[in-house]
Amino acid sequence: MWCRLTFVKFDPEKMDEGRKIFYDLHAPTVKKEKGNIDCYLMESVDEPGEGISFSSWETKEDGDAYEAKGTYKMLVGTIIHTHVREPKLKQYEVKTTKR
């Protein structure tokens, strides 16, 4: 499994707007992409406004294809006005050991 995490910091006064954009537009759009497993927004309980957008993919190629289409960049453009800093994308592979 391949995971894409975008680390964000919302303007506290725009948190509700950012959350609405994420769940009304981002999550449904990402969930329609080939190979997407899930997509959600995690919000810090320790640092108000900090969050992580999480999407999981069947393969790295599926996540890369989503990126290459420009959908990620387009979605960031719809929400960036609610952030106080540029989002930071990191990718992770979930590896397991065989028993």
Protein backbone atom coordinates (compact mmCIF):
# COMPACT_ATOMS: atom_id res chain seq x y z
CA MET A 1 0.00 0.00 0.00
CA TRP A 2 1.18 3.53 -0.80
CA CYS A 3 0.26 6.56 1.32
CA ARG A 4 0.38 10.27 0.56
CA LEU A 5 0.32 12.61 3.56
CA THR A 6 0.03 16.36 3.19
CA PHE A 7 0.96 18.26 6.34
CA VAL A 8 -1.02 21.50 6.68
CA LYS A 9 -1.50 24.41 9.08
CA PHE A 10 -4.91 26.09 8.89
CA ASP A 11 -5.63 29.69 9.80
CA PRO A 12 -7.70 29.19 12.99
CA GLU A 13 -10.37 31.55 11.66
CA LYS A 14 -10.66 29.48 8.46
CA MET A 15 -10.50 25.96 9.93
CA ASP A 16 -14.22 25.27 9.47
CA GLU A 17 -14.05 26.48 5.85
CA GLY A 18 -10.99 24.31 5.17
CA ARG A 19 -12.63 21.24 6.70
CA LYS A 20 -15.77 21.82 4.59
CA ILE A 21 -13.75 22.16 1.37
CA PHE A 22 -11.83 19.00 2.21
CA TYR A 23 -14.89 16.84 2.89
CA ASP A 24 -17.16 18.35 0.22
CA LEU A 25 -14.59 18.46 -2.62
CA HIS A 26 -11.23 16.85 -1.87
CA ALA A 27 -12.21 13.52 -0.34
CA PRO A 28 -14.95 12.71 -2.90
CA THR A 29 -12.64 13.65 -5.79
CA VAL A 30 -9.72 11.57 -4.52
CA LYS A 31 -11.93 8.58 -3.71
CA LYS A 32 -12.98 8.41 -7.39
CA GLU A 33 -9.38 8.01 -8.56
CA LYS A 34 -8.14 4.62 -9.76
CA GLY A 35 -6.47 2.70 -6.96
CA ASN A 36 -7.54 4.98 -4.11
CA ILE A 37 -8.32 3.11 -0.91
CA ASP A 38 -9.31 5.99 1.38
CA CYS A 39 -8.90 9.71 2.01
CA TYR A 40 -9.45 11.72 5.17
CA LEU A 41 -8.26 14.69 7.21
CA MET A 42 -6.60 14.13 10.57
CA GLU A 43 -6.67 17.12 12.94
CA SER A 44 -4.18 17.56 15.78
CA VAL A 45 -5.59 17.52 19.30
CA ASP A 46 -2.34 19.07 20.60
CA GLU A 47 -1.77 21.87 18.07
CA PRO A 48 -4.97 23.64 16.90
CA GLY A 49 -4.99 24.16 13.14
CA GLU A 50 -2.41 21.49 12.36
CA GLY A 51 -3.63 18.67 10.19
CA ILE A 52 -2.66 15.88 7.87
CA SER A 53 -4.53 15.02 4.71
CA PHE A 54 -4.17 11.25 4.30
CA SER A 55 -4.80 9.25 1.15
CA SER A 56 -3.96 5.58 0.66
CA TRP A 57 -3.41 3.86 -2.68
CA GLU A 58 -3.19 0.28 -3.87
CA THR A 59 0.15 1.00 -5.57
CA LYS A 60 2.74 3.75 -5.93
CA GLU A 61 1.82 3.92 -9.62
CA ASP A 62 -1.80 4.76 -8.74
CA GLY A 63 -0.66 7.60 -6.47
CA ASP A 64 1.79 8.82 -9.11
CA ALA A 65 -0.90 8.77 -11.81
CA TYR A 66 -3.17 10.88 -9.59
CA GLU A 67 -0.32 13.38 -9.13
CA ALA A 68 0.58 13.41 -12.83
CA LYS A 69 -3.00 14.28 -13.84
CA GLY A 70 -2.71 17.52 -11.88
CA THR A 71 -5.62 16.70 -9.59
CA TYR A 72 -3.57 17.11 -6.41
CA LYS A 73 -2.30 20.53 -7.46
CA MET A 74 -5.80 21.63 -8.45
CA LEU A 75 -7.23 20.52 -5.09
CA VAL A 76 -4.50 22.31 -3.14
CA GLY A 77 -5.40 25.46 -5.09
CA THR A 78 -8.98 25.30 -3.83
CA ILE A 79 -7.99 25.24 -0.14
CA ILE A 80 -4.65 27.05 0.13
CA HIS A 81 -6.35 30.31 1.14
CA THR A 82 -7.33 28.64 4.44
CA HIS A 83 -3.70 27.78 5.30
CA VAL A 84 -1.06 29.89 7.05
CA ARG A 85 1.85 28.07 5.35
CA GLU A 86 2.50 25.97 2.27
CA PRO A 87 1.39 22.34 2.60
CA LYS A 88 4.14 19.70 2.68
CA LEU A 89 3.56 16.43 0.81
CA LYS A 90 5.34 13.27 1.92
CA GLN A 91 4.87 9.75 0.60
CA TYR A 92 5.17 6.49 2.51
CA GLU A 93 5.08 2.82 1.65
CA VAL A 94 3.42 0.39 4.03
CA LYS A 95 5.63 -2.69 4.29
CA THR A 96 4.83 -5.81 6.21
CA THR A 97 6.83 -8.89 7.06
CA LYS A 98 5.69 -12.38 6.21
CA ARG A 99 5.13 -14.69 9.15
